[in-house]
Amino acid sequence: MSATIDELTVADEPAAWEALGFAVEGDACVVGEVRIHLAGPHAGERLVGWSLRDTGGVELDGLPTARSERPPPAAPPAHPNGLTAVDHVVAMTPALDRTVAALKLAGLDLRRIREEPTPAGAPRQAFFRLGATILEVVQEPPEAIERAGGDHPAFFWGLAFLAPDLDATVASLGDRVSEIRDAVQPGRRIATVRRSAGLALPVALISPRPPRD
């Protein structure tokens, strides 16, 4: 069996997510198949780490990883913001081939490597399937590596949530999110949560993939 995500640990207070229309219980919420532990800023930065089921290893080139044997949530709640799943998790690396090799060694399911630059300047990307969620591993541009002081381990960057009715979700969140624009993926649209919303990490909201012919 291929690996799937059990839980993501985020360095945010629960109240920040409640304000964005997530159904939060205690210090956690469930979005689709994924549990999200809202551990607060004392836990670290951005996306602090994750736990995976059915992984062949936890040495993922610096991505903090734990094993889990918990089954997926039985009945995920409905969120007032209309979001239904974690569409993708974004990680950054200064050495894409090195990180891809480590993830493959741990049994993660590599689907493809994109060799074309993105509009944001990332030269290459790799995509791994983790159940309903994609792990998007982004090669950092040379200038970003230089600013960071040279070579370093991979690290988690942000999240994107699936919004089946993106227009309604964005309307409900008002000035907490950006305007909707075309996504890099053909046929999809995306909006981003503004920094003023006070989250510890970049968060995007994305429409579903268009049906295949």
N, C-alpha and C. Protein backbone atom coordinates (compact mmCIF):
# COMPACT_ATOMS: atom_id res chain seq x y z
N MET A 1 0.85 -1.20 0.00
CA MET A 1 0.00 0.00 0.00
C MET A 1 0.88 1.24 0.00
N SER A 2 0.43 2.28 -0.68
CA SER A 2 1.20 3.52 -0.71
C SER A 2 0.89 4.35 0.52
N ALA A 3 1.80 5.24 0.86
CA ALA A 3 1.66 6.05 2.06
C ALA A 3 0.51 7.04 1.93
N THR A 4 -0.12 7.33 3.07
CA THR A 4 -1.17 8.35 3.14
C THR A 4 -0.92 9.22 4.36
N ILE A 5 -1.49 10.41 4.36
CA ILE A 5 -1.30 11.35 5.46
C ILE A 5 -2.33 11.08 6.55
N ASP A 6 -1.85 10.96 7.78
CA ASP A 6 -2.75 10.91 8.92
C ASP A 6 -2.97 12.32 9.47
N GLU A 7 -1.87 12.99 9.86
CA GLU A 7 -2.00 14.28 10.53
C GLU A 7 -0.93 15.27 10.09
N LEU A 8 -1.31 16.53 10.00
CA LEU A 8 -0.41 17.64 9.79
C LEU A 8 -0.39 18.48 11.06
N THR A 9 0.80 18.87 11.51
CA THR A 9 0.92 19.73 12.68
C THR A 9 1.30 21.13 12.22
N VAL A 10 0.47 22.11 12.56
CA VAL A 10 0.63 23.48 12.10
C VAL A 10 0.84 24.40 13.30
N ALA A 11 1.75 25.36 13.16
CA ALA A 11 2.09 26.28 14.26
C ALA A 11 1.11 27.44 14.33
N ASP A 12 -0.17 27.13 14.43
CA ASP A 12 -1.21 28.15 14.52
C ASP A 12 -2.08 27.89 15.74
N GLU A 13 -2.69 28.96 16.25
CA GLU A 13 -3.71 28.84 17.28
C GLU A 13 -5.04 28.42 16.63
N PRO A 14 -5.83 27.61 17.32
CA PRO A 14 -7.12 27.19 16.75
C PRO A 14 -8.01 28.36 16.35
N ALA A 15 -7.97 29.46 17.11
CA ALA A 15 -8.86 30.59 16.83
C ALA A 15 -8.64 31.18 15.45
N ALA A 16 -7.38 31.13 14.96
CA ALA A 16 -7.10 31.67 13.63
C ALA A 16 -7.80 30.86 12.54
N TRP A 17 -7.92 29.56 12.74
CA TRP A 17 -8.58 28.71 11.76
C TRP A 17 -10.10 28.80 11.88
N GLU A 18 -10.58 28.95 13.11
CA GLU A 18 -12.02 29.15 13.28
C GLU A 18 -12.46 30.42 12.57
N ALA A 19 -11.65 31.46 12.63
CA ALA A 19 -11.99 32.72 11.98
C ALA A 19 -12.04 32.58 10.46
N LEU A 20 -11.39 31.56 9.92
CA LEU A 20 -11.41 31.32 8.48
C LEU A 20 -12.46 30.27 8.08
N GLY A 21 -13.35 29.96 8.99
CA GLY A 21 -14.47 29.10 8.65
C GLY A 21 -14.21 27.61 8.75
N PHE A 22 -13.17 27.21 9.48
CA PHE A 22 -12.95 25.79 9.72
C PHE A 22 -13.69 25.36 10.98
N ALA A 23 -14.22 24.14 10.96
CA ALA A 23 -14.85 23.57 12.14
C ALA A 23 -13.76 22.96 13.01
N VAL A 24 -13.42 23.64 14.09
CA VAL A 24 -12.31 23.25 14.97
C VAL A 24 -12.88 22.71 16.27
N GLU A 25 -12.31 21.60 16.71
CA GLU A 25 -12.68 21.02 18.00
C GLU A 25 -11.42 20.92 18.85
N GLY A 26 -11.38 21.69 19.91
CA GLY A 26 -10.17 21.72 20.73
C GLY A 26 -9.03 22.35 19.96
N ASP A 27 -7.96 21.58 19.78
CA ASP A 27 -6.80 22.09 19.03
C ASP A 27 -6.64 21.35 17.70
N ALA A 28 -7.75 20.89 17.14
CA ALA A 28 -7.66 20.10 15.90
C ALA A 28 -8.87 20.32 15.02
N CYS A 29 -8.67 20.06 13.75
CA CYS A 29 -9.79 19.96 12.82
C CYS A 29 -9.47 18.87 11.81
N VAL A 30 -10.50 18.38 11.16
CA VAL A 30 -10.36 17.33 10.16
C VAL A 30 -10.87 17.87 8.84
N VAL A 31 -10.03 17.79 7.81
CA VAL A 31 -10.44 18.25 6.48
C VAL A 31 -10.28 17.06 5.54
N GLY A 32 -11.39 16.52 5.08
CA GLY A 32 -11.34 15.33 4.24
C GLY A 32 -10.76 14.15 5.00
N GLU A 33 -9.67 13.59 4.50
CA GLU A 33 -9.03 12.42 5.13
C GLU A 33 -7.93 12.81 6.11
N VAL A 34 -7.68 14.10 6.29
CA VAL A 34 -6.49 14.55 7.01
C VAL A 34 -6.86 15.26 8.30
N ARG A 35 -6.24 14.85 9.38
CA ARG A 35 -6.33 15.56 10.66
C ARG A 35 -5.31 16.69 10.67
N ILE A 36 -5.69 17.83 11.24
CA ILE A 36 -4.79 18.97 11.36
C ILE A 36 -4.70 19.36 12.82
N HIS A 37 -3.51 19.23 13.37
CA HIS A 37 -3.26 19.59 14.77
C HIS A 37 -2.77 21.02 14.82
N LEU A 38 -3.51 21.88 15.48
CA LEU A 38 -3.18 23.30 15.57
C LEU A 38 -2.43 23.50 16.89
N ALA A 39 -1.10 23.43 16.80
CA ALA A 39 -0.26 23.30 17.97
C ALA A 39 0.19 24.63 18.55
N GLY A 40 -0.07 25.74 17.88
CA GLY A 40 0.34 27.04 18.38
C GLY A 40 1.74 27.42 17.97
N PRO A 41 2.07 28.71 18.06
CA PRO A 41 3.37 29.19 17.57
C PRO A 41 4.56 28.63 18.33
N HIS A 42 4.37 28.18 19.56
CA HIS A 42 5.49 27.60 20.31
C HIS A 42 5.99 26.29 19.69
N ALA A 43 5.17 25.68 18.82
CA ALA A 43 5.54 24.37 18.25
C ALA A 43 6.60 24.48 17.17
N GLY A 44 6.79 25.66 16.61
CA GLY A 44 7.77 25.82 15.53
C GLY A 44 7.31 26.85 14.53
N GLU A 45 7.55 26.56 13.26
CA GLU A 45 7.19 27.47 12.19
C GLU A 45 6.38 26.75 11.12
N ARG A 46 5.44 27.48 10.54
CA ARG A 46 4.65 27.00 9.39
C ARG A 46 4.06 25.61 9.66
N LEU A 47 4.29 24.71 8.74
CA LEU A 47 3.86 23.32 8.87
C LEU A 47 4.99 22.58 9.58
N VAL A 48 4.79 22.26 10.83
CA VAL A 48 5.86 21.76 11.69
C VAL A 48 6.27 20.34 11.32
N GLY A 49 5.32 19.51 10.93
CA GLY A 49 5.62 18.12 10.58
C GLY A 49 4.34 17.38 10.24
N TRP A 50 4.49 16.09 9.94
CA TRP A 50 3.32 15.27 9.62
C TRP A 50 3.55 13.84 10.06
N SER A 51 2.45 13.08 10.11
CA SER A 51 2.53 11.64 10.33
C SER A 51 1.92 10.93 9.13
N LEU A 52 2.53 9.81 8.76
CA LEU A 52 2.13 9.05 7.57
C LEU A 52 1.81 7.61 7.94
N ARG A 53 0.83 7.06 7.26
CA ARG A 53 0.56 5.63 7.33
C ARG A 53 1.30 4.91 6.19
N ASP A 54 1.67 3.68 6.44
CA ASP A 54 2.22 2.81 5.39
C ASP A 54 3.45 3.39 4.72
N THR A 55 4.28 4.11 5.48
CA THR A 55 5.53 4.60 4.92
C THR A 55 6.65 3.61 5.19
N GLY A 56 7.57 3.50 4.25
CA GLY A 56 8.70 2.60 4.41
C GLY A 56 9.83 3.19 5.22
N GLY A 57 9.71 4.44 5.63
CA GLY A 57 10.75 5.10 6.40
C GLY A 57 10.33 6.50 6.76
N VAL A 58 11.05 7.12 7.68
CA VAL A 58 10.72 8.47 8.12
C VAL A 58 11.87 9.45 7.87
N GLU A 59 12.90 9.00 7.18
CA GLU A 59 14.02 9.89 6.83
C GLU A 59 13.72 10.51 5.46
N LEU A 60 13.06 11.65 5.47
CA LEU A 60 12.57 12.26 4.24
C LEU A 60 13.31 13.56 3.93
N ASP A 61 14.63 13.49 3.98
CA ASP A 61 15.50 14.62 3.60
C ASP A 61 15.18 15.88 4.39
N GLY A 62 14.85 15.72 5.67
CA GLY A 62 14.61 16.86 6.53
C GLY A 62 13.16 17.16 6.82
N LEU A 63 12.21 16.56 6.11
CA LEU A 63 10.79 16.78 6.38
C LEU A 63 10.42 16.00 7.65
N PRO A 64 10.07 16.67 8.75
CA PRO A 64 9.80 15.98 10.01
C PRO A 64 8.61 15.02 9.88
N THR A 65 8.88 13.74 10.08
CA THR A 65 7.89 12.70 9.77
C THR A 65 7.82 11.68 10.89
N ALA A 66 6.60 11.27 11.24
CA ALA A 66 6.37 10.20 12.20
C ALA A 66 5.48 9.15 11.54
N ARG A 67 5.57 7.93 12.02
CA ARG A 67 4.69 6.86 11.54
C ARG A 67 3.35 6.91 12.29
N SER A 68 2.31 6.49 11.61
CA SER A 68 0.99 6.41 12.23
C SER A 68 0.29 5.13 11.77
N GLU A 69 -0.48 4.57 12.68
CA GLU A 69 -1.31 3.41 12.34
C GLU A 69 -2.79 3.71 12.54
N ARG A 70 -3.12 4.97 12.79
CA ARG A 70 -4.53 5.33 12.95
C ARG A 70 -5.26 5.23 11.63
N PRO A 71 -6.50 4.75 11.65
CA PRO A 71 -7.29 4.76 10.42
C PRO A 71 -7.72 6.17 10.07
N PRO A 72 -8.15 6.41 8.83
CA PRO A 72 -8.66 7.74 8.46
C PRO A 72 -9.88 8.10 9.30
N PRO A 73 -10.16 9.39 9.44
CA PRO A 73 -11.36 9.81 10.19
C PRO A 73 -12.62 9.21 9.58
N ALA A 74 -13.53 8.82 10.46
CA ALA A 74 -14.73 8.13 9.99
C ALA A 74 -15.71 9.07 9.31
N ALA A 75 -15.91 10.24 9.89
CA ALA A 75 -16.93 11.16 9.35
C ALA A 75 -16.42 12.59 9.47
N PRO A 76 -15.68 13.06 8.48
CA PRO A 76 -15.17 14.44 8.54
C PRO A 76 -16.31 15.45 8.64
N PRO A 77 -16.14 16.49 9.44
CA PRO A 77 -17.21 17.49 9.58
C PRO A 77 -17.32 18.37 8.35
N ALA A 78 -18.47 19.01 8.22
CA ALA A 78 -18.63 20.03 7.18
C ALA A 78 -18.08 21.35 7.73
N HIS A 79 -17.32 22.05 6.91
CA HIS A 79 -16.73 23.32 7.34
C HIS A 79 -17.56 24.47 6.79
N PRO A 80 -17.84 25.48 7.58
CA PRO A 80 -18.61 26.62 7.10
C PRO A 80 -18.01 27.28 5.87
N ASN A 81 -16.69 27.19 5.68
CA ASN A 81 -16.06 27.79 4.50
C ASN A 81 -16.21 26.94 3.24
N GLY A 82 -16.78 25.73 3.36
CA GLY A 82 -17.02 24.89 2.19
C GLY A 82 -15.83 24.07 1.73
N LEU A 83 -14.72 24.11 2.42
CA LEU A 83 -13.54 23.33 2.01
C LEU A 83 -13.73 21.87 2.39
N THR A 84 -13.28 20.97 1.51
CA THR A 84 -13.60 19.55 1.69
C THR A 84 -12.40 18.62 1.77
N ALA A 85 -11.20 19.09 1.43
CA ALA A 85 -10.04 18.19 1.42
C ALA A 85 -8.76 19.01 1.40
N VAL A 86 -7.67 18.37 1.80
CA VAL A 86 -6.35 18.94 1.58
C VAL A 86 -5.94 18.55 0.17
N ASP A 87 -5.91 19.50 -0.73
CA ASP A 87 -5.58 19.21 -2.13
C ASP A 87 -4.10 18.87 -2.28
N HIS A 88 -3.23 19.74 -1.74
CA HIS A 88 -1.81 19.43 -1.79
C HIS A 88 -1.04 20.10 -0.67
N VAL A 89 0.05 19.45 -0.30
CA VAL A 89 1.02 19.96 0.66
C VAL A 89 2.24 20.38 -0.14
N VAL A 90 2.80 21.54 0.18
CA VAL A 90 3.96 22.05 -0.56
C VAL A 90 5.21 21.98 0.31
N ALA A 91 6.26 21.40 -0.24
CA ALA A 91 7.57 21.38 0.41
C ALA A 91 8.59 22.00 -0.54
N MET A 92 9.62 22.60 0.02
CA MET A 92 10.68 23.23 -0.76
C MET A 92 11.99 22.48 -0.52
N THR A 93 12.85 22.48 -1.53
CA THR A 93 14.15 21.82 -1.41
C THR A 93 15.17 22.54 -2.28
N PRO A 94 16.43 22.59 -1.83
CA PRO A 94 17.48 23.14 -2.69
C PRO A 94 18.02 22.11 -3.67
N ALA A 95 17.63 20.83 -3.48
CA ALA A 95 18.18 19.73 -4.29
C ALA A 95 17.06 18.75 -4.60
N LEU A 96 16.32 19.01 -5.66
CA LEU A 96 15.13 18.21 -5.96
C LEU A 96 15.46 16.74 -6.13
N ASP A 97 16.50 16.42 -6.88
CA ASP A 97 16.81 15.01 -7.11
C ASP A 97 17.14 14.28 -5.81
N ARG A 98 17.85 14.94 -4.91
CA ARG A 98 18.17 14.35 -3.62
C ARG A 98 16.92 14.06 -2.80
N THR A 99 16.01 15.05 -2.75
CA THR A 99 14.78 14.88 -1.98
C THR A 99 13.89 13.82 -2.60
N VAL A 100 13.77 13.82 -3.91
CA VAL A 100 12.96 12.81 -4.59
C VAL A 100 13.49 11.41 -4.28
N ALA A 101 14.80 11.24 -4.31
CA ALA A 101 15.39 9.93 -4.02
C ALA A 101 15.04 9.47 -2.60
N ALA A 102 15.09 10.40 -1.63
CA ALA A 102 14.77 10.04 -0.25
C ALA A 102 13.29 9.66 -0.10
N LEU A 103 12.42 10.39 -0.77
CA LEU A 103 10.99 10.09 -0.68
C LEU A 103 10.66 8.76 -1.36
N LYS A 104 11.27 8.49 -2.48
CA LYS A 104 11.05 7.22 -3.16
C LYS A 104 11.57 6.06 -2.31
N LEU A 105 12.71 6.25 -1.65
CA LEU A 105 13.26 5.20 -0.80
C LEU A 105 12.32 4.87 0.35
N ALA A 106 11.58 5.87 0.82
CA ALA A 106 10.61 5.65 1.89
C ALA A 106 9.28 5.10 1.37
N GLY A 107 9.19 4.88 0.07
CA GLY A 107 8.00 4.26 -0.50
C GLY A 107 6.93 5.22 -0.96
N LEU A 108 7.21 6.52 -0.98
CA LEU A 108 6.20 7.46 -1.47
C LEU A 108 6.05 7.32 -2.98
N ASP A 109 4.83 7.55 -3.44
CA ASP A 109 4.43 7.26 -4.82
C ASP A 109 4.69 8.47 -5.72
N LEU A 110 5.84 8.49 -6.40
CA LEU A 110 6.16 9.57 -7.33
C LEU A 110 5.32 9.42 -8.59
N ARG A 111 4.60 10.49 -8.94
CA ARG A 111 3.76 10.45 -10.14
C ARG A 111 4.43 11.12 -11.33
N ARG A 112 5.10 12.26 -11.11
CA ARG A 112 5.76 12.90 -12.24
C ARG A 112 6.70 13.99 -11.74
N ILE A 113 7.61 14.41 -12.61
CA ILE A 113 8.48 15.55 -12.37
C ILE A 113 8.21 16.56 -13.47
N ARG A 114 7.94 17.79 -13.07
CA ARG A 114 7.67 18.86 -14.03
C ARG A 114 8.96 19.64 -14.25
N GLU A 115 9.42 19.66 -15.46
CA GLU A 115 10.71 20.27 -15.77
C GLU A 115 10.61 21.73 -16.21
N GLU A 116 9.38 22.23 -16.40
CA GLU A 116 9.21 23.60 -16.85
C GLU A 116 9.12 24.54 -15.66
N PRO A 117 9.69 25.75 -15.76
CA PRO A 117 9.61 26.72 -14.67
C PRO A 117 8.16 27.13 -14.40
N THR A 118 7.87 27.42 -13.14
CA THR A 118 6.56 27.93 -12.76
C THR A 118 6.55 29.45 -12.87
N PRO A 119 5.36 30.07 -12.89
CA PRO A 119 5.31 31.54 -12.91
C PRO A 119 6.02 32.18 -11.72
N ALA A 120 6.11 31.45 -10.59
CA ALA A 120 6.77 32.00 -9.41
C ALA A 120 8.29 31.84 -9.45
N GLY A 121 8.79 31.15 -10.48
CA GLY A 121 10.23 31.05 -10.65
C GLY A 121 10.87 29.75 -10.21
N ALA A 122 10.07 28.79 -9.77
CA ALA A 122 10.63 27.49 -9.39
C ALA A 122 11.01 26.72 -10.66
N PRO A 123 12.26 26.26 -10.77
CA PRO A 123 12.68 25.63 -12.02
C PRO A 123 12.10 24.23 -12.25
N ARG A 124 11.85 23.48 -11.17
CA ARG A 124 11.35 22.10 -11.33
C ARG A 124 10.45 21.77 -10.14
N GLN A 125 9.59 20.77 -10.34
CA GLN A 125 8.71 20.30 -9.28
C GLN A 125 8.53 18.79 -9.42
N ALA A 126 8.33 18.13 -8.29
CA ALA A 126 7.98 16.70 -8.28
C ALA A 126 6.67 16.53 -7.53
N PHE A 127 5.87 15.56 -7.95
CA PHE A 127 4.55 15.35 -7.37
C PHE A 127 4.41 13.91 -6.90
N PHE A 128 4.03 13.75 -5.63
CA PHE A 128 3.83 12.44 -5.03
C PHE A 128 2.37 12.30 -4.62
N ARG A 129 1.80 11.12 -4.86
CA ARG A 129 0.42 10.86 -4.48
C ARG A 129 0.38 10.24 -3.09
N LEU A 130 -0.38 10.87 -2.18
CA LEU A 130 -0.56 10.39 -0.81
C LEU A 130 -2.06 10.28 -0.55
N GLY A 131 -2.67 9.23 -1.06
CA GLY A 131 -4.11 9.12 -0.96
C GLY A 131 -4.78 10.19 -1.78
N ALA A 132 -5.69 10.95 -1.16
CA ALA A 132 -6.40 12.01 -1.88
C ALA A 132 -5.57 13.28 -2.00
N THR A 133 -4.41 13.32 -1.37
CA THR A 133 -3.60 14.53 -1.32
C THR A 133 -2.31 14.36 -2.12
N ILE A 134 -1.87 15.44 -2.73
CA ILE A 134 -0.60 15.46 -3.46
C ILE A 134 0.45 16.17 -2.61
N LEU A 135 1.65 15.61 -2.56
CA LEU A 135 2.81 16.32 -2.03
C LEU A 135 3.53 16.93 -3.22
N GLU A 136 3.62 18.25 -3.22
CA GLU A 136 4.30 18.98 -4.29
C GLU A 136 5.66 19.43 -3.75
N VAL A 137 6.73 18.90 -4.31
CA VAL A 137 8.08 19.25 -3.88
C VAL A 137 8.67 20.20 -4.91
N VAL A 138 9.04 21.40 -4.46
CA VAL A 138 9.45 22.47 -5.34
C VAL A 138 10.94 22.72 -5.21
N GLN A 139 11.63 22.75 -6.34
CA GLN A 139 13.04 23.12 -6.37
C GLN A 139 13.17 24.62 -6.13
N GLU A 140 13.92 25.01 -5.12
CA GLU A 140 14.13 26.43 -4.87
C GLU A 140 14.98 27.05 -5.97
N PRO A 141 14.69 28.28 -6.37
CA PRO A 141 15.56 28.99 -7.31
C PRO A 141 16.93 29.25 -6.69
N PRO A 142 17.96 29.42 -7.52
CA PRO A 142 19.31 29.65 -6.99
C PRO A 142 19.41 30.83 -6.03
N GLU A 143 18.67 31.91 -6.30
CA GLU A 143 18.76 33.08 -5.42
C GLU A 143 18.19 32.79 -4.04
N ALA A 144 17.17 31.92 -3.97
CA ALA A 144 16.60 31.56 -2.66
C ALA A 144 17.59 30.70 -1.87
N ILE A 145 18.27 29.80 -2.56
CA ILE A 145 19.28 28.97 -1.89
C ILE A 145 20.41 29.85 -1.36
N GLU A 146 20.82 30.83 -2.14
CA GLU A 146 21.89 31.73 -1.71
C GLU A 146 21.46 32.55 -0.49
N ARG A 147 20.21 33.03 -0.49
CA ARG A 147 19.73 33.80 0.66
C ARG A 147 19.70 32.96 1.94
N ALA A 148 19.45 31.65 1.76
CA ALA A 148 19.39 30.74 2.92
C ALA A 148 20.77 30.30 3.39
N GLY A 149 21.81 30.74 2.71
CA GLY A 149 23.16 30.39 3.13
C GLY A 149 23.72 29.13 2.50
N GLY A 150 23.09 28.66 1.41
CA GLY A 150 23.60 27.48 0.72
C GLY A 150 22.72 26.27 0.93
N ASP A 151 23.32 25.11 0.79
CA ASP A 151 22.57 23.85 0.85
C ASP A 151 21.93 23.66 2.23
N HIS A 152 20.75 23.04 2.24
CA HIS A 152 20.04 22.78 3.49
C HIS A 152 19.00 21.70 3.24
N PRO A 153 18.43 21.12 4.29
CA PRO A 153 17.41 20.08 4.10
C PRO A 153 16.13 20.63 3.48
N ALA A 154 15.31 19.73 2.99
CA ALA A 154 13.97 20.11 2.52
C ALA A 154 13.14 20.59 3.71
N PHE A 155 12.12 21.40 3.43
CA PHE A 155 11.25 21.89 4.50
C PHE A 155 9.85 22.09 3.95
N PHE A 156 8.87 21.96 4.85
CA PHE A 156 7.48 22.21 4.48
C PHE A 156 7.24 23.70 4.31
N TRP A 157 6.38 24.05 3.34
CA TRP A 157 6.11 25.44 3.04
C TRP A 157 4.65 25.82 3.29
N GLY A 158 3.69 25.12 2.66
CA GLY A 158 2.31 25.53 2.80
C GLY A 158 1.32 24.46 2.40
N LEU A 159 0.05 24.86 2.36
CA LEU A 159 -1.06 23.94 2.08
C LEU A 159 -2.00 24.56 1.07
N ALA A 160 -2.69 23.68 0.34
CA ALA A 160 -3.80 24.11 -0.52
C ALA A 160 -5.01 23.24 -0.22
N PHE A 161 -6.15 23.88 -0.03
CA PHE A 161 -7.39 23.17 0.27
C PHE A 161 -8.32 23.18 -0.93
N LEU A 162 -9.06 22.09 -1.06
CA LEU A 162 -10.00 21.96 -2.17
C LEU A 162 -11.30 22.69 -1.85
N ALA A 163 -11.70 23.57 -2.76
CA ALA A 163 -12.94 24.34 -2.61
C ALA A 163 -13.87 24.00 -3.77
N PRO A 164 -14.83 23.09 -3.59
CA PRO A 164 -15.73 22.72 -4.68
C PRO A 164 -16.49 23.91 -5.27
N ASP A 165 -16.83 24.89 -4.44
CA ASP A 165 -17.46 26.13 -4.92
C ASP A 165 -16.54 27.27 -4.49
N LEU A 166 -15.50 27.50 -5.27
CA LEU A 166 -14.49 28.48 -4.89
C LEU A 166 -15.08 29.88 -4.76
N ASP A 167 -15.98 30.24 -5.65
CA ASP A 167 -16.57 31.58 -5.60
C ASP A 167 -17.29 31.80 -4.27
N ALA A 168 -18.06 30.80 -3.83
CA ALA A 168 -18.79 30.93 -2.56
C ALA A 168 -17.84 30.99 -1.38
N THR A 169 -16.79 30.17 -1.41
CA THR A 169 -15.81 30.17 -0.33
C THR A 169 -15.14 31.53 -0.21
N VAL A 170 -14.67 32.07 -1.34
CA VAL A 170 -13.99 33.36 -1.32
C VAL A 170 -14.94 34.46 -0.87
N ALA A 171 -16.19 34.42 -1.32
CA ALA A 171 -17.16 35.43 -0.91
C ALA A 171 -17.39 35.38 0.61
N SER A 172 -17.42 34.17 1.17
CA SER A 172 -17.68 34.03 2.60
C SER A 172 -16.53 34.54 3.46
N LEU A 173 -15.31 34.54 2.92
CA LEU A 173 -14.14 34.94 3.69
C LEU A 173 -13.76 36.40 3.51
N GLY A 174 -14.39 37.08 2.57
CA GLY A 174 -14.20 38.52 2.41
C GLY A 174 -12.75 38.91 2.18
N ASP A 175 -12.31 39.94 2.93
CA ASP A 175 -10.97 40.48 2.69
C ASP A 175 -9.86 39.64 3.30
N ARG A 176 -10.19 38.48 3.85
CA ARG A 176 -9.16 37.58 4.36
C ARG A 176 -8.44 36.84 3.24
N VAL A 177 -9.04 36.84 2.03
CA VAL A 177 -8.44 36.12 0.90
C VAL A 177 -8.28 37.04 -0.30
N SER A 178 -7.41 36.59 -1.22
CA SER A 178 -7.18 37.35 -2.45
C SER A 178 -8.32 37.14 -3.44
N GLU A 179 -8.23 37.87 -4.54
CA GLU A 179 -9.14 37.61 -5.66
C GLU A 179 -8.79 36.26 -6.29
N ILE A 180 -9.75 35.70 -6.98
CA ILE A 180 -9.54 34.42 -7.67
C ILE A 180 -8.78 34.67 -8.97
N ARG A 181 -7.86 33.78 -9.28
CA ARG A 181 -7.10 33.86 -10.53
C ARG A 181 -6.92 32.45 -11.09
N ASP A 182 -6.45 32.37 -12.32
CA ASP A 182 -6.18 31.06 -12.91
C ASP A 182 -5.00 30.40 -12.20
N ALA A 183 -5.12 29.10 -11.93
CA ALA A 183 -4.04 28.34 -11.32
C ALA A 183 -3.06 27.87 -12.39
N VAL A 184 -1.90 27.39 -11.95
CA VAL A 184 -0.93 26.82 -12.88
C VAL A 184 -1.53 25.59 -13.58
N GLN A 185 -2.30 24.79 -12.83
CA GLN A 185 -2.92 23.60 -13.41
C GLN A 185 -4.05 24.03 -14.36
N PRO A 186 -4.03 23.57 -15.59
CA PRO A 186 -5.06 23.96 -16.56
C PRO A 186 -6.46 23.66 -16.06
N GLY A 187 -7.35 24.61 -16.24
CA GLY A 187 -8.75 24.41 -15.88
C GLY A 187 -9.08 24.63 -14.42
N ARG A 188 -8.11 25.01 -13.61
CA ARG A 188 -8.37 25.23 -12.20
C ARG A 188 -8.17 26.71 -11.84
N ARG A 189 -8.81 27.13 -10.77
CA ARG A 189 -8.67 28.50 -10.28
C ARG A 189 -8.24 28.47 -8.82
N ILE A 190 -7.64 29.57 -8.38
CA ILE A 190 -7.03 29.56 -7.05
C ILE A 190 -7.16 30.94 -6.41
N ALA A 191 -7.23 30.95 -5.09
CA ALA A 191 -7.14 32.17 -4.30
C ALA A 191 -6.23 31.87 -3.11
N THR A 192 -5.64 32.89 -2.53
CA THR A 192 -4.73 32.69 -1.42
C THR A 192 -5.21 33.46 -0.20
N VAL A 193 -4.96 32.87 0.97
CA VAL A 193 -5.28 33.54 2.23
C VAL A 193 -4.26 34.65 2.44
N ARG A 194 -4.73 35.85 2.76
CA ARG A 194 -3.83 36.99 2.94
C ARG A 194 -3.07 36.88 4.26
N ARG A 195 -1.90 37.49 4.29
CA ARG A 195 -1.09 37.48 5.51
C ARG A 195 -1.84 38.11 6.69
N SER A 196 -2.71 39.05 6.38
CA SER A 196 -3.46 39.72 7.44
C SER A 196 -4.37 38.77 8.21
N ALA A 197 -4.64 37.59 7.66
CA ALA A 197 -5.46 36.61 8.36
C ALA A 197 -4.69 35.99 9.54
N GLY A 198 -3.38 36.16 9.56
CA GLY A 198 -2.60 35.75 10.72
C GLY A 198 -2.21 34.30 10.79
N LEU A 199 -2.23 33.58 9.66
CA LEU A 199 -1.81 32.18 9.68
C LEU A 199 -0.29 32.07 9.66
N ALA A 200 0.20 30.95 10.14
CA ALA A 200 1.65 30.73 10.25
C ALA A 200 2.27 30.25 8.95
N LEU A 201 1.46 29.96 7.97
CA LEU A 201 1.98 29.38 6.72
C LEU A 201 1.14 29.85 5.54
N PRO A 202 1.70 29.80 4.33
CA PRO A 202 0.89 30.13 3.15
C PRO A 202 -0.22 29.09 2.95
N VAL A 203 -1.43 29.56 2.69
CA VAL A 203 -2.58 28.69 2.45
C VAL A 203 -3.29 29.16 1.19
N ALA A 204 -3.58 28.20 0.31
CA ALA A 204 -4.32 28.49 -0.91
C ALA A 204 -5.63 27.72 -0.93
N LEU A 205 -6.56 28.22 -1.69
CA LEU A 205 -7.86 27.58 -1.90
C LEU A 205 -7.99 27.34 -3.39
N ILE A 206 -8.29 26.11 -3.78
CA ILE A 206 -8.24 25.79 -5.21
C ILE A 206 -9.48 25.03 -5.64
N SER A 207 -9.90 25.29 -6.86
CA SER A 207 -11.09 24.62 -7.39
C SER A 207 -10.75 23.19 -7.79
N PRO A 208 -11.76 22.35 -7.99
CA PRO A 208 -11.50 20.95 -8.37
C PRO A 208 -10.85 20.83 -9.75
N ARG A 209 -10.23 19.69 -9.96
CA ARG A 209 -9.71 19.39 -11.29
C ARG A 209 -10.86 19.20 -12.26
N PRO A 210 -10.75 19.71 -13.48
CA PRO A 210 -11.84 19.53 -14.45
C PRO A 210 -11.97 18.07 -14.82
N PRO A 211 -13.17 17.62 -15.16
CA PRO A 211 -13.34 16.22 -15.57
C PRO A 211 -12.56 15.91 -16.82
N ARG A 212 -12.04 14.69 -16.89
CA ARG A 212 -11.30 14.28 -18.06
C ARG A 212 -12.26 13.91 -19.19
N ASP A 213 -11.82 14.14 -20.42
CA ASP A 213 -12.66 13.77 -21.57
C ASP A 213 -12.74 12.25 -21.68
